[in-house]
C-alpha atoms as a PDB file:
ATOM      1  CA  MET A   1     -15.975 -10.501  17.493  1.00  0.00           C
ATOM      2  CA  GLN A   2     -14.062 -12.857  15.242  1.00  0.00           C
ATOM      3  CA  VAL A   3     -13.668 -11.961  11.561  1.00  0.00           C
ATOM      4  CA  LEU A   4     -11.805 -13.091   8.685  1.00  0.00           C
ATOM      5  CA  ALA A   5      -9.276 -10.480   7.254  1.00  0.00           C
ATOM      6  CA  GLY A   6      -7.378 -10.256   4.003  1.00  0.00           C
ATOM      7  CA  ASP A   7      -4.834  -7.839   2.346  1.00  0.00           C
ATOM      8  CA  ILE A   8      -5.094  -8.778  -1.339  1.00  0.00           C
ATOM      9  CA  GLY A   9      -1.943  -7.740  -3.239  1.00  0.00           C
ATOM     10  CA  GLY A  10      -0.967  -8.271  -6.900  1.00  0.00           C
ATOM     11  CA  THR A  11       1.869 -10.679  -5.519  1.00  0.00           C
ATOM     12  CA  LYS A  12       0.903 -11.869  -2.414  1.00  0.00           C
ATOM     13  CA  THR A  13      -1.968 -12.340  -0.145  1.00  0.00           C
ATOM     14  CA  LEU A  14      -1.998 -12.329   3.680  1.00  0.00           C
ATOM     15  CA  LEU A  15      -5.259 -13.857   5.381  1.00  0.00           C
ATOM     16  CA  ALA A  16      -6.172 -13.680   9.175  1.00  0.00           C
ATOM     17  CA  ILE A  17      -8.518 -14.610  11.586  1.00  0.00           C
ATOM     18  CA  CYS A  18      -8.690 -11.944  13.900  1.00  0.00           C
ATOM     19  CA  GLU A  19     -10.390 -10.782  17.166  1.00  0.00           C
ATOM     20  CA  VAL A  20     -11.788  -7.308  16.844  1.00  0.00           C
ATOM     21  CA  SER A  21     -12.875  -5.383  20.133  1.00  0.00           C
ATOM     22  CA  ALA A  22     -13.296  -1.389  20.872  1.00  0.00           C
ATOM     23  CA  ALA A  23     -10.155   0.225  22.039  1.00  0.00           C
ATOM     24  CA  SER A  24     -11.940   3.351  22.707  1.00  0.00           C
ATOM     25  CA  GLU A  25     -15.496   4.068  22.835  1.00  0.00           C
ATOM     26  CA  ARG A  26     -14.821   7.836  22.743  1.00  0.00           C
ATOM     27  CA  THR A  27     -12.986   8.083  19.419  1.00  0.00           C
ATOM     28  CA  GLY A  28     -14.309   4.747  17.739  1.00  0.00           C
ATOM     29  CA  ALA A  29     -10.860   3.048  17.551  1.00  0.00           C
ATOM     30  CA  LEU A  30     -10.551  -0.812  17.530  1.00  0.00           C
ATOM     31  CA  ARG A  31      -8.435  -3.236  18.975  1.00  0.00           C
ATOM     32  CA  VAL A  32      -7.249  -6.257  16.543  1.00  0.00           C
ATOM     33  CA  GLU A  33      -5.549  -9.319  17.588  1.00  0.00           C
ATOM     34  CA  VAL A  34      -4.429 -11.705  14.972  1.00  0.00           C
ATOM     35  CA  LEU A  35      -5.266 -15.092  16.082  1.00  0.00           C
ATOM     36  CA  ALA A  36      -3.957 -17.315  12.803  1.00  0.00           C
ATOM     37  CA  SER A  37      -2.629 -16.169   9.592  1.00  0.00           C
ATOM     38  CA  ARG A  38      -1.111 -17.431   6.414  1.00  0.00           C
ATOM     39  CA  ARG A  39       0.675 -15.670   3.381  1.00  0.00           C
ATOM     40  CA  TYR A  40       0.133 -17.026  -0.174  1.00  0.00           C
ATOM     41  CA  ASP A  41       1.275 -16.411  -3.693  1.00  0.00           C
ATOM     42  CA  SER A  42      -1.799 -14.649  -5.026  1.00  0.00           C
ATOM     43  CA  ARG A  43      -1.091 -15.963  -8.550  1.00  0.00           C
ATOM     44  CA  LYS A  44      -1.243 -19.693  -7.690  1.00  0.00           C
ATOM     45  CA  PHE A  45      -5.330 -19.409  -7.004  1.00  0.00           C
ATOM     46  CA  PRO A  46      -7.990 -18.922  -9.534  1.00  0.00           C
ATOM     47  CA  GLY A  47      -9.991 -16.462  -6.971  1.00  0.00           C
ATOM     48  CA  LEU A  48     -10.371 -15.286  -3.534  1.00  0.00           C
ATOM     49  CA  GLY A  49     -13.004 -17.883  -2.702  1.00  0.00           C
ATOM     50  CA  ALA A  50     -10.600 -20.969  -3.400  1.00  0.00           C
ATOM     51  CA  LEU A  51      -8.010 -18.929  -1.345  1.00  0.00           C
ATOM     52  CA  CYS A  52      -9.946 -18.740   1.579  1.00  0.00           C
ATOM     53  CA  ARG A  53     -10.976 -22.088   1.445  1.00  0.00           C
ATOM     54  CA  THR A  54      -7.629 -23.331   1.644  1.00  0.00           C
ATOM     55  CA  PHE A  55      -6.888 -20.881   4.420  1.00  0.00           C
ATOM     56  CA  ALA A  56      -9.361 -22.417   6.503  1.00  0.00           C
ATOM     57  CA  GLU A  57      -8.297 -25.831   6.128  1.00  0.00           C
ATOM     58  CA  GLU A  58      -4.687 -25.068   6.942  1.00  0.00           C
ATOM     59  CA  VAL A  59      -5.475 -23.305   9.912  1.00  0.00           C
ATOM     60  CA  GLY A  60      -8.137 -25.740  11.210  1.00  0.00           C
ATOM     61  CA  ARG A  61     -10.914 -23.109  11.779  1.00  0.00           C
ATOM     62  CA  GLY A  62     -14.253 -22.307  10.167  1.00  0.00           C
ATOM     63  CA  ILE A  63     -14.710 -19.244   8.436  1.00  0.00           C
ATOM     64  CA  PRO A  64     -16.136 -16.642  10.624  1.00  0.00           C
ATOM     65  CA  ARG A  65     -19.492 -14.849   9.785  1.00  0.00           C
ATOM     66  CA  TRP A  66     -18.002 -11.299   8.488  1.00  0.00           C
ATOM     67  CA  ALA A  67     -14.989 -11.019   6.329  1.00  0.00           C
ATOM     68  CA  GLY A  68     -13.053  -7.664   5.185  1.00  0.00           C
ATOM     69  CA  PHE A  69     -10.495  -7.516   2.232  1.00  0.00           C
ATOM     70  CA  GLY A  70      -8.344  -4.763   1.232  1.00  0.00           C
ATOM     71  CA  VAL A  71      -7.897  -5.254  -2.520  1.00  0.00           C
ATOM     72  CA  ALA A  72      -5.209  -3.989  -4.833  1.00  0.00           C
ATOM     73  CA  GLY A  73      -7.433  -1.974  -7.204  1.00  0.00           C
ATOM     74  CA  PRO A  74     -10.496   0.401  -7.202  1.00  0.00           C
ATOM     75  CA  VAL A  75     -13.447  -1.021  -5.542  1.00  0.00           C
ATOM     76  CA  ALA A  76     -16.970   0.651  -6.701  1.00  0.00           C
ATOM     77  CA  ASN A  77     -20.546  -0.872  -5.645  1.00  0.00           C
ATOM     78  CA  GLY A  78     -19.000  -3.606  -3.694  1.00  0.00           C
ATOM     79  CA  ARG A  79     -17.314  -5.047  -6.914  1.00  0.00           C
ATOM     80  CA  SER A  80     -13.560  -5.069  -8.100  1.00  0.00           C
ATOM     81  CA  HIS A  81     -11.491  -6.087 -11.049  1.00  0.00           C
ATOM     82  CA  THR A  82      -7.934  -6.339  -9.234  1.00  0.00           C
ATOM     83  CA  THR A  83      -5.303  -4.204 -11.085  1.00  0.00           C
ATOM     84  CA  ASN A  84      -2.362  -6.790 -11.123  1.00  0.00           C
ATOM     85  CA  LEU A  85      -4.523  -9.983 -10.959  1.00  0.00           C
ATOM     86  CA  PRO A  86      -7.294 -11.645 -13.240  1.00  0.00           C
ATOM     87  CA  TRP A  87      -9.627 -11.744 -10.414  1.00  0.00           C
ATOM     88  CA  ILE A  88     -12.999 -10.301 -10.266  1.00  0.00           C
ATOM     89  CA  LEU A  89     -14.527  -9.909  -6.894  1.00  0.00           C
ATOM     90  CA  ASP A  90     -17.883  -9.177  -5.550  1.00  0.00           C
ATOM     91  CA  GLU A  91     -19.138  -8.745  -2.093  1.00  0.00           C
ATOM     92  CA  ARG A  92     -22.357 -10.797  -2.281  1.00  0.00           C
ATOM     93  CA  ASP A  93     -20.896 -13.520  -4.584  1.00  0.00           C
ATOM     94  CA  LEU A  94     -18.079 -13.907  -2.087  1.00  0.00           C
ATOM     95  CA  ALA A  95     -20.373 -14.069   0.874  1.00  0.00           C
ATOM     96  CA  GLN A  96     -22.283 -16.587  -0.903  1.00  0.00           C
ATOM     97  CA  THR A  97     -19.367 -18.636  -1.879  1.00  0.00           C
ATOM     98  CA  LEU A  98     -17.815 -18.703   1.458  1.00  0.00           C
ATOM     99  CA  GLY A  99     -21.382 -19.440   3.097  1.00  0.00           C
ATOM    100  CA  ILE A 100     -21.085 -16.438   5.692  1.00  0.00           C
ATOM    101  CA  ASP A 101     -23.173 -13.319   6.407  1.00  0.00           C
ATOM    102  CA  GLY A 102     -21.271 -10.429   4.836  1.00  0.00           C
ATOM    103  CA  VAL A 103     -18.081  -9.452   3.080  1.00  0.00           C
ATOM    104  CA  ARG A 104     -16.715  -5.815   3.047  1.00  0.00           C
ATOM    105  CA  LEU A 105     -14.096  -4.946  -0.051  1.00  0.00           C
ATOM    106  CA  ALA A 106     -12.369  -1.530  -0.304  1.00  0.00           C
ATOM    107  CA  ASN A 107      -9.285  -0.646  -1.912  1.00  0.00           C
ATOM    108  CA  ASP A 108      -6.119  -2.001  -0.243  1.00  0.00           C
ATOM    109  CA  PHE A 109      -4.888   1.660   0.758  1.00  0.00           C
ATOM    110  CA  HIS A 110      -8.004   2.176   2.127  1.00  0.00           C
ATOM    111  CA  ALA A 111      -7.684  -0.722   4.513  1.00  0.00           C
ATOM    112  CA  LEU A 112      -4.209   0.102   5.147  1.00  0.00           C
ATOM    113  CA  THR A 113      -5.292   3.588   6.131  1.00  0.00           C
ATOM    114  CA  LEU A 114      -7.469   2.166   8.882  1.00  0.00           C
ATOM    115  CA  GLY A 115      -4.929  -0.255   9.892  1.00  0.00           C
ATOM    116  CA  ILE A 116      -2.432   2.415  10.652  1.00  0.00           C
ATOM    117  CA  GLN A 117      -4.416   3.516  13.534  1.00  0.00           C
ATOM    118  CA  ALA A 118      -3.661   0.358  15.324  1.00  0.00           C
ATOM    119  CA  VAL A 119       0.118   0.190  14.535  1.00  0.00           C
ATOM    120  CA  LYS A 120       2.229   0.480  17.435  1.00  0.00           C
ATOM    121  CA  SER A 121       4.485   3.384  17.777  1.00  0.00           C
ATOM    122  CA  LYS A 122       7.603   0.980  17.726  1.00  0.00           C
ATOM    123  CA  ASP A 123       6.499   0.259  14.190  1.00  0.00           C
ATOM    124  CA  LEU A 124       6.722   3.814  12.916  1.00  0.00           C
ATOM    125  CA  LEU A 125      10.186   5.230  11.684  1.00  0.00           C
ATOM    126  CA  THR A 126      10.391   8.894  11.916  1.00  0.00           C
ATOM    127  CA  LEU A 127      11.491  10.651   8.647  1.00  0.00           C
ATOM    128  CA  ASN A 128      10.588  13.887   9.420  1.00  0.00           C
ATOM    129  CA  GLU A 129       9.602  15.230  13.016  1.00  0.00           C
ATOM    130  CA  GLY A 130       7.105  18.022  12.204  1.00  0.00           C
ATOM    131  CA  VAL A 131       4.410  19.050  14.375  1.00  0.00           C
ATOM    132  CA  ARG A 132       1.171  17.074  13.873  1.00  0.00           C
ATOM    133  CA  ASP A 133      -2.175  18.502  14.089  1.00  0.00           C
ATOM    134  CA  PRO A 134      -4.403  15.789  15.625  1.00  0.00           C
ATOM    135  CA  LYS A 135      -7.257  17.034  13.979  1.00  0.00           C
ATOM    136  CA  GLY A 136      -5.608  17.526  10.687  1.00  0.00           C
ATOM    137  CA  PRO A 137      -5.916  15.175   7.609  1.00  0.00           C
ATOM    138  CA  TRP A 138      -3.257  12.602   6.908  1.00  0.00           C
ATOM    139  CA  ALA A 139      -2.028  10.965   3.740  1.00  0.00           C
ATOM    140  CA  VAL A 140      -0.546   7.250   3.161  1.00  0.00           C
ATOM    141  CA  ILE A 141       1.678   6.615   0.116  1.00  0.00           C
ATOM    142  CA  GLY A 142       3.120   3.225  -0.444  1.00  0.00           C
ATOM    143  CA  ALA A 143       5.252   1.346  -2.990  1.00  0.00           C
ATOM    144  CA  GLY A 144       5.220  -2.274  -3.610  1.00  0.00           C
ATOM    145  CA  THR A 145       3.665  -4.355  -6.387  1.00  0.00           C
ATOM    146  CA  GLY A 146       2.195  -1.247  -7.288  1.00  0.00           C
ATOM    147  CA  LEU A 147       2.133   2.540  -6.111  1.00  0.00           C
ATOM    148  CA  GLY A 148      -1.070   2.930  -3.609  1.00  0.00           C
ATOM    149  CA  GLU A 149      -2.035   6.436  -2.052  1.00  0.00           C
ATOM    150  CA  ALA A 150      -4.977   7.341   0.271  1.00  0.00           C
ATOM    151  CA  ILE A 151      -6.028  10.378   2.391  1.00  0.00           C
ATOM    152  CA  ALA A 152      -8.190  10.382   5.521  1.00  0.00           C
ATOM    153  CA  SER A 153      -9.824  13.135   7.188  1.00  0.00           C
ATOM    154  CA  GLY A 154      -9.269  14.207  10.803  1.00  0.00           C
ATOM    155  CA  GLU A 155     -12.601  12.576  11.527  1.00  0.00           C
ATOM    156  CA  ARG A 156     -11.422   9.191  10.330  1.00  0.00           C
ATOM    157  CA  GLU A 157     -13.056   9.191   7.043  1.00  0.00           C
ATOM    158  CA  VAL A 158     -10.725   7.481   4.302  1.00  0.00           C
ATOM    159  CA  LEU A 159     -10.875   8.303   0.817  1.00  0.00           C
ATOM    160  CA  ALA A 160      -9.082   5.649  -1.497  1.00  0.00           C
ATOM    161  CA  THR A 161      -7.410   6.998  -4.505  1.00  0.00           C
ATOM    162  CA  GLU A 162      -5.684   5.920  -7.758  1.00  0.00           C
ATOM    163  CA  GLY A 163      -3.002   8.506  -7.596  1.00  0.00           C
ATOM    164  CA  GLY A 164      -0.383   6.169  -8.512  1.00  0.00           C
ATOM    165  CA  HIS A 165      -1.619   6.076 -11.995  1.00  0.00           C
ATOM    166  CA  THR A 166      -1.254   9.808 -12.280  1.00  0.00           C
ATOM    167  CA  CYS A 167       1.357  11.146 -14.899  1.00  0.00           C
ATOM    168  CA  PHE A 168       5.043  10.973 -13.521  1.00  0.00           C
ATOM    169  CA  ALA A 169       6.526  14.357 -13.449  1.00  0.00           C
ATOM    170  CA  PRO A 170      10.564  14.439 -13.779  1.00  0.00           C
ATOM    171  CA  ARG A 171      12.246  17.615 -12.387  1.00  0.00           C
ATOM    172  CA  THR A 172      15.784  17.375 -13.458  1.00  0.00           C
ATOM    173  CA  GLU A 173      17.652  16.367 -16.755  1.00  0.00           C
ATOM    174  CA  LEU A 174      18.238  12.860 -15.614  1.00  0.00           C
ATOM    175  CA  GLU A 175      14.581  12.408 -14.498  1.00  0.00           C
ATOM    176  CA  ILE A 176      13.586  13.767 -18.252  1.00  0.00           C
ATOM    177  CA  GLY A 177      15.965  11.272 -19.624  1.00  0.00           C
ATOM    178  CA  VAL A 178      14.223   8.398 -17.822  1.00  0.00           C
ATOM    179  CA  LEU A 179      10.990   9.544 -18.856  1.00  0.00           C
ATOM    180  CA  ARG A 180      12.166   9.717 -22.710  1.00  0.00           C
ATOM    181  CA  PHE A 181      13.520   5.933 -22.107  1.00  0.00           C
ATOM    182  CA  LEU A 182      10.225   4.656 -20.425  1.00  0.00           C
ATOM    183  CA  SER A 183       8.310   6.609 -22.996  1.00  0.00           C
ATOM    184  CA  GLN A 184       9.530   4.210 -25.701  1.00  0.00           C
ATOM    185  CA  ARG A 185       7.862   1.609 -23.479  1.00  0.00           C
ATOM    186  CA  TYR A 186       4.630   2.501 -22.216  1.00  0.00           C
ATOM    187  CA  ALA A 187       2.070   4.703 -23.869  1.00  0.00           C
ATOM    188  CA  HIS A 188       1.491   6.302 -20.446  1.00  0.00           C
ATOM    189  CA  VAL A 189       4.547   6.704 -17.709  1.00  0.00           C
ATOM    190  CA  SER A 190       2.777   6.949 -14.471  1.00  0.00           C
ATOM    191  CA  TRP A 191       4.179   7.123 -11.046  1.00  0.00           C
ATOM    192  CA  GLU A 192       3.663   3.674 -10.702  1.00  0.00           C
ATOM    193  CA  ARG A 193       5.966   2.691 -13.356  1.00  0.00           C
ATOM    194  CA  ILE A 194       8.866   4.184 -11.261  1.00  0.00           C
ATOM    195  CA  LEU A 195       7.840   3.716  -7.792  1.00  0.00           C
ATOM    196  CA  SER A 196       6.980   0.066  -7.356  1.00  0.00           C
ATOM    197  CA  GLY A 197       8.970  -3.179  -7.655  1.00  0.00           C
ATOM    198  CA  ASP A 198       8.743  -3.084 -11.350  1.00  0.00           C
ATOM    199  CA  GLY A 199       9.559   0.429 -11.126  1.00  0.00           C
ATOM    200  CA  LEU A 200      13.171  -0.353  -9.590  1.00  0.00           C
ATOM    201  CA  VAL A 201      13.699  -2.418 -12.596  1.00  0.00           C
ATOM    202  CA  ASN A 202      12.571   0.290 -14.895  1.00  0.00           C
ATOM    203  CA  LEU A 203      15.059   2.505 -13.250  1.00  0.00           C
ATOM    204  CA  ALA A 204      17.806   0.034 -13.511  1.00  0.00           C
ATOM    205  CA  GLU A 205      17.427  -0.495 -17.476  1.00  0.00           C
ATOM    206  CA  ALA A 206      16.820   3.226 -17.777  1.00  0.00           C
ATOM    207  CA  LEU A 207      19.980   4.396 -15.929  1.00  0.00           C
ATOM    208  CA  ALA A 208      21.917   1.511 -17.405  1.00  0.00           C
ATOM    209  CA  SER A 209      20.979   3.205 -20.857  1.00  0.00           C
ATOM    210  CA  ILE A 210      21.521   6.845 -19.971  1.00  0.00           C
ATOM    211  CA  THR A 211      24.877   6.372 -17.837  1.00  0.00           C
ATOM    212  CA  GLY A 212      26.511   3.558 -19.557  1.00  0.00           C
ATOM    213  CA  LEU A 213      27.043   1.724 -16.041  1.00  0.00           C
ATOM    214  CA  PRO A 214      26.919  -1.975 -16.555  1.00  0.00           C
ATOM    215  CA  MET A 215      24.125  -3.795 -15.158  1.00  0.00           C
ATOM    216  CA  PRO A 216      25.138  -6.942 -12.840  1.00  0.00           C
ATOM    217  CA  GLY A 217      24.811 -10.280 -14.174  1.00  0.00           C
ATOM    218  CA  PRO A 218      22.208 -11.769 -11.685  1.00  0.00           C
ATOM    219  CA  LEU A 219      19.875  -8.766 -12.298  1.00  0.00           C
ATOM    220  CA  ALA A 220      20.588  -9.120 -16.203  1.00  0.00           C
ATOM    221  CA  ASP A 221      19.553 -12.785 -16.077  1.00  0.00           C
ATOM    222  CA  ALA A 222      16.438 -12.101 -13.660  1.00  0.00           C
ATOM    223  CA  ILE A 223      15.219  -9.452 -16.309  1.00  0.00           C
ATOM    224  CA  HIS A 224      15.438 -11.947 -18.911  1.00  0.00           C
ATOM    225  CA  ASP A 225      14.344 -15.225 -17.079  1.00  0.00           C
ATOM    226  CA  ASP A 226      11.800 -13.991 -14.559  1.00  0.00           C
ATOM    227  CA  ARG A 227      11.318 -10.126 -14.147  1.00  0.00           C
ATOM    228  CA  SER A 228       9.117 -10.651 -10.977  1.00  0.00           C
ATOM    229  CA  HIS A 229      12.272 -11.588  -9.230  1.00  0.00           C
ATOM    230  CA  ALA A 230      14.460  -8.911 -10.544  1.00  0.00           C
ATOM    231  CA  PRO A 231      13.553  -6.235  -7.911  1.00  0.00           C
ATOM    232  CA  ALA A 232      15.219  -8.358  -5.369  1.00  0.00           C
ATOM    233  CA  GLN A 233      18.403  -8.356  -7.369  1.00  0.00           C
ATOM    234  CA  VAL A 234      18.261  -4.584  -7.744  1.00  0.00           C
ATOM    235  CA  THR A 235      18.179  -4.103  -3.879  1.00  0.00           C
ATOM    236  CA  ALA A 236      20.692  -7.003  -3.328  1.00  0.00           C
ATOM    237  CA  ALA A 237      23.191  -5.478  -5.702  1.00  0.00           C
ATOM    238  CA  ALA A 238      22.749  -2.129  -4.129  1.00  0.00           C
ATOM    239  CA  GLU A 239      23.684  -3.629  -0.701  1.00  0.00           C
ATOM    240  CA  ASN A 240      26.809  -4.945  -2.067  1.00  0.00           C
ATOM    241  CA  GLY A 241      27.823  -1.571  -3.563  1.00  0.00           C
ATOM    242  CA  ASP A 242      27.030  -2.047  -7.332  1.00  0.00           C
ATOM    243  CA  ALA A 243      27.196   1.389  -8.703  1.00  0.00           C
ATOM    244  CA  LEU A 244      24.198   1.350 -11.032  1.00  0.00           C
ATOM    245  CA  CYS A 245      21.953  -0.094  -8.474  1.00  0.00           C
ATOM    246  CA  VAL A 246      23.006   2.417  -5.822  1.00  0.00           C
ATOM    247  CA  GLN A 247      22.283   4.904  -8.397  1.00  0.00           C
ATOM    248  CA  VAL A 248      18.901   3.357  -8.852  1.00  0.00           C
ATOM    249  CA  LEU A 249      17.725   3.369  -5.038  1.00  0.00           C
ATOM    250  CA  GLN A 250      19.232   6.919  -4.701  1.00  0.00           C
ATOM    251  CA  LEU A 251      17.050   8.099  -7.407  1.00  0.00           C
ATOM    252  CA  PHE A 252      14.181   6.091  -6.492  1.00  0.00           C
ATOM    253  CA  CYS A 253      14.298   7.432  -2.761  1.00  0.00           C
ATOM    254  CA  LYS A 254      14.242  11.124  -4.437  1.00  0.00           C
ATOM    255  CA  LEU A 255      11.325  10.190  -6.542  1.00  0.00           C
ATOM    256  CA  TYR A 256       9.535   8.564  -3.697  1.00  0.00           C
ATOM    257  CA  GLY A 257       9.876  11.863  -1.468  1.00  0.00           C
ATOM    258  CA  ALA A 258       8.852  14.234  -4.330  1.00  0.00           C
ATOM    259  CA  GLU A 259       5.484  12.381  -4.965  1.00  0.00           C
ATOM    260  CA  ALA A 260       5.063  12.023  -1.155  1.00  0.00           C
ATOM    261  CA  GLY A 261       5.462  15.873  -1.090  1.00  0.00           C
ATOM    262  CA  ASN A 262       2.789  15.952  -3.948  1.00  0.00           C
ATOM    263  CA  LEU A 263       0.297  14.124  -1.971  1.00  0.00           C
ATOM    264  CA  ALA A 264       0.932  15.947   1.104  1.00  0.00           C
ATOM    265  CA  LEU A 265       0.399  19.300  -0.533  1.00  0.00           C
ATOM    266  CA  LYS A 266      -2.823  17.997  -2.366  1.00  0.00           C
ATOM    267  CA  THR A 267      -4.342  16.829   1.057  1.00  0.00           C
ATOM    268  CA  LEU A 268      -2.645  19.581   3.159  1.00  0.00           C
ATOM    269  CA  ALA A 269      -1.818  16.764   5.409  1.00  0.00           C
ATOM    270  CA  THR A 270      -1.225  18.671   8.845  1.00  0.00           C
ATOM    271  CA  GLY A 271      -1.989  15.097  10.488  1.00  0.00           C
ATOM    272  CA  GLY A 272       1.052  13.429   8.880  1.00  0.00           C
ATOM    273  CA  VAL A 273       2.429  11.407   5.950  1.00  0.00           C
ATOM    274  CA  TYR A 274       2.702   7.608   6.376  1.00  0.00           C
ATOM    275  CA  VAL A 275       4.890   6.042   3.980  1.00  0.00           C
ATOM    276  CA  ALA A 276       3.999   2.097   3.524  1.00  0.00           C
ATOM    277  CA  GLY A 277       4.227  -0.564   1.357  1.00  0.00           C
ATOM    278  CA  GLY A 278       6.551  -3.389   1.098  1.00  0.00           C
ATOM    279  CA  ILE A 279       9.676  -1.717  -0.434  1.00  0.00           C
ATOM    280  CA  ALA A 280      10.572   1.037   1.930  1.00  0.00           C
ATOM    281  CA  PRO A 281      11.257  -1.185   4.998  1.00  0.00           C
ATOM    282  CA  ARG A 282      13.692  -3.194   2.809  1.00  0.00           C
ATOM    283  CA  ILE A 283      15.965  -0.068   1.673  1.00  0.00           C
ATOM    284  CA  ILE A 284      15.757   1.938   5.287  1.00  0.00           C
ATOM    285  CA  PRO A 285      19.705   3.303   4.781  1.00  0.00           C
ATOM    286  CA  PHE A 286      18.650   4.960   1.343  1.00  0.00           C
ATOM    287  CA  MET A 287      15.310   6.148   2.894  1.00  0.00           C
ATOM    288  CA  THR A 288      16.961   7.619   5.817  1.00  0.00           C
ATOM    289  CA  ASP A 289      20.087   9.419   4.193  1.00  0.00           C
ATOM    290  CA  GLY A 290      18.222  12.590   3.568  1.00  0.00           C
ATOM    291  CA  ARG A 291      17.276  12.359  -0.241  1.00  0.00           C
ATOM    292  CA  PHE A 292      13.810  11.341   0.528  1.00  0.00           C
ATOM    293  CA  ARG A 293      13.394  14.174   2.977  1.00  0.00           C
ATOM    294  CA  GLU A 294      14.843  16.617   0.935  1.00  0.00           C
ATOM    295  CA  ALA A 295      12.938  16.137  -2.237  1.00  0.00           C
ATOM    296  CA  PHE A 296       9.748  16.117  -0.062  1.00  0.00           C
ATOM    297  CA  PHE A 297      10.564  19.549   1.199  1.00  0.00           C
ATOM    298  CA  ASP A 298      11.772  20.833  -2.185  1.00  0.00           C
ATOM    299  CA  LYS A 299       8.495  22.602  -3.212  1.00  0.00           C
ATOM    300  CA  GLY A 300       9.831  25.940  -3.778  1.00  0.00           C
ATOM    301  CA  ARG A 301       7.513  28.558  -1.519  1.00  0.00           C
ATOM    302  CA  MET A 302       5.627  25.556   0.032  1.00  0.00           C
ATOM    303  CA  ARG A 303       8.882  24.466   1.725  1.00  0.00           C
ATOM    304  CA  PRO A 304       8.101  25.801   5.209  1.00  0.00           C
ATOM    305  CA  LEU A 305       4.868  24.153   5.251  1.00  0.00           C
ATOM    306  CA  LEU A 306       6.097  20.855   4.229  1.00  0.00           C
ATOM    307  CA  GLU A 307       8.792  21.013   7.002  1.00  0.00           C
ATOM    308  CA  GLN A 308       6.000  21.173   9.539  1.00  0.00           C
ATOM    309  CA  MET A 309       4.521  18.012   8.448  1.00  0.00           C
ATOM    310  CA  PRO A 310       5.510  14.677  10.190  1.00  0.00           C
ATOM    311  CA  VAL A 311       6.314  11.940   7.987  1.00  0.00           C
ATOM    312  CA  GLN A 312       6.743   8.366   9.247  1.00  0.00           C
ATOM    313  CA  MET A 313       7.484   5.129   7.726  1.00  0.00           C
ATOM    314  CA  VAL A 314       5.145   2.163   8.474  1.00  0.00           C
ATOM    315  CA  LEU A 315       7.198  -1.006   9.527  1.00  0.00           C
ATOM    316  CA  ASP A 316       4.368  -3.237  10.400  1.00  0.00           C
ATOM    317  CA  THR A 317       3.733  -5.523   7.485  1.00  0.00           C
ATOM    318  CA  GLU A 318       0.259  -6.497   8.790  1.00  0.00           C
ATOM    319  CA  ALA A 319      -0.927  -2.793   8.955  1.00  0.00           C
ATOM    320  CA  GLY A 320      -3.322  -3.835   5.956  1.00  0.00           C
ATOM    321  CA  LEU A 321      -4.247  -6.717   7.545  1.00  0.00           C
ATOM    322  CA  LEU A 322      -5.436  -4.776  10.832  1.00  0.00           C
ATOM    323  CA  GLY A 323      -7.344  -2.323   8.550  1.00  0.00           C
ATOM    324  CA  ALA A 324      -9.321  -5.160   6.575  1.00  0.00           C
ATOM    325  CA  ALA A 325     -10.328  -6.649  10.132  1.00  0.00           C
ATOM    326  CA  ALA A 326     -11.655  -3.145  11.004  1.00  0.00           C
ATOM    327  CA  LEU A 327     -13.615  -3.284   7.618  1.00  0.00           C
ATOM    328  CA  ALA A 328     -15.244  -6.539   8.578  1.00  0.00           C
ATOM    329  CA  ALA A 329     -16.340  -5.146  11.904  1.00  0.00           C
ATOM    330  CA  GLN A 330     -17.878  -2.152  10.255  1.00  0.00           C
ATOM    331  CA  LYS A 331     -19.673  -4.278   8.072  1.00  0.00           C
ATOM    332  CA  ALA A 332     -21.071  -6.749  10.698  1.00  0.00           C
ATOM    333  CA  ALA A 333     -22.011  -3.494  12.690  1.00  0.00           C
ATOM    334  CA  VAL A 334     -23.825  -1.720   9.802  1.00  0.00           C
ATOM    335  CA  GLN A 335     -25.800  -4.976   8.867  1.00  0.00           C
ATOM    336  CA  THR A 336     -26.491  -5.694  12.445  1.00  0.00           C
ATOM    337  CA  GLN A 337     -28.179  -2.278  12.915  1.00  0.00           C
ATOM    338  CA  THR A 338     -29.938  -2.472   9.787  1.00  0.00           C
ATOM    339  CA  ARG A 339     -31.622  -5.674  10.815  1.00  0.00           C
ATOM    340  CA  HIS A 340     -32.692  -4.433  14.261  1.00  0.00           C
ATOM    341  CA  THR A 341     -34.037  -1.051  13.209  1.00  0.00           C
ATOM    342  CA  PRO A 342     -37.527  -1.099  12.686  1.00  0.00           C
ATOM    343  CA  ALA A 343     -39.205  -0.136   9.771  1.00  0.00           C
ATOM    344  CA  THR A 344     -41.145   3.365   9.695  1.00  0.00           C
ATOM    345  CA  SER A 345     -44.772   3.356   8.582  1.00  0.00           C
ATOM    346  CA  SER A 346     -45.995   5.216   5.875  1.00  0.00           C
END
């Protein structure tokens, strides 16, 4: 079955036409092959319908009958107002606009969690070996434009969350200083204000104020001229050894590990914790230097429990797309079954 799949982010949108087939009838797992794909700047389009039509024209293919989209924001009753885009999405409206049989919308981390099941082992980097319980729940956390979190049961039921918007919890005097700094800017300092692209910039500004370390010129210029390009300047400066930006990434990874540990405890993720999102694969030397792992474990009496939980970084940037294709296939299966189920007489 061919489907249209989309990973709709606050910054970028990845669209693809995919072939979906059963990988295992016993487990219900799906095999997804990407046939054609394109990446777009989400902010350059007035809505998802216009973006999909542009995609179809560019790849020279008709839009398949079924579509699935992972959306950066909450989805309720087939409708979503995206968190970091001025888009309002509705399953029925999109299906009508595109002239297709059905659309399935889900939170982007719901889609990503489904997609992780199709990720190949070579695209998973182990941060903690642990001992995986194949029947246990697993958790997904990922920093990118925002901070996404999701959980899944051992039976593959996915529960999307908005855990990235919970309150940031500092643990040290330095982190308390960061909270004080950001509290002057935001009425609510969430984890997403720290663990995201803009969070890197927030941390750079906070640490510059707290430590007195100078901010590198290109980063200061990016913050002033176009803040959306500033996160890349933070990571570039850190790679070049800038003292401030090295500290920023070190603190970022500690806090990433701390919140991943929080999520692991809340879900009792004996099936494993997956670190996804666009930032972690770009800062692998910092993610693997021990700071993330130690902060993940640092939960007092619960440390032995966390030490047993496998933690892996997802390197496949199309994992969310694979999950969106699975959403489309699920939509097709449900609607087809509904159409072919005879009505019962009263």
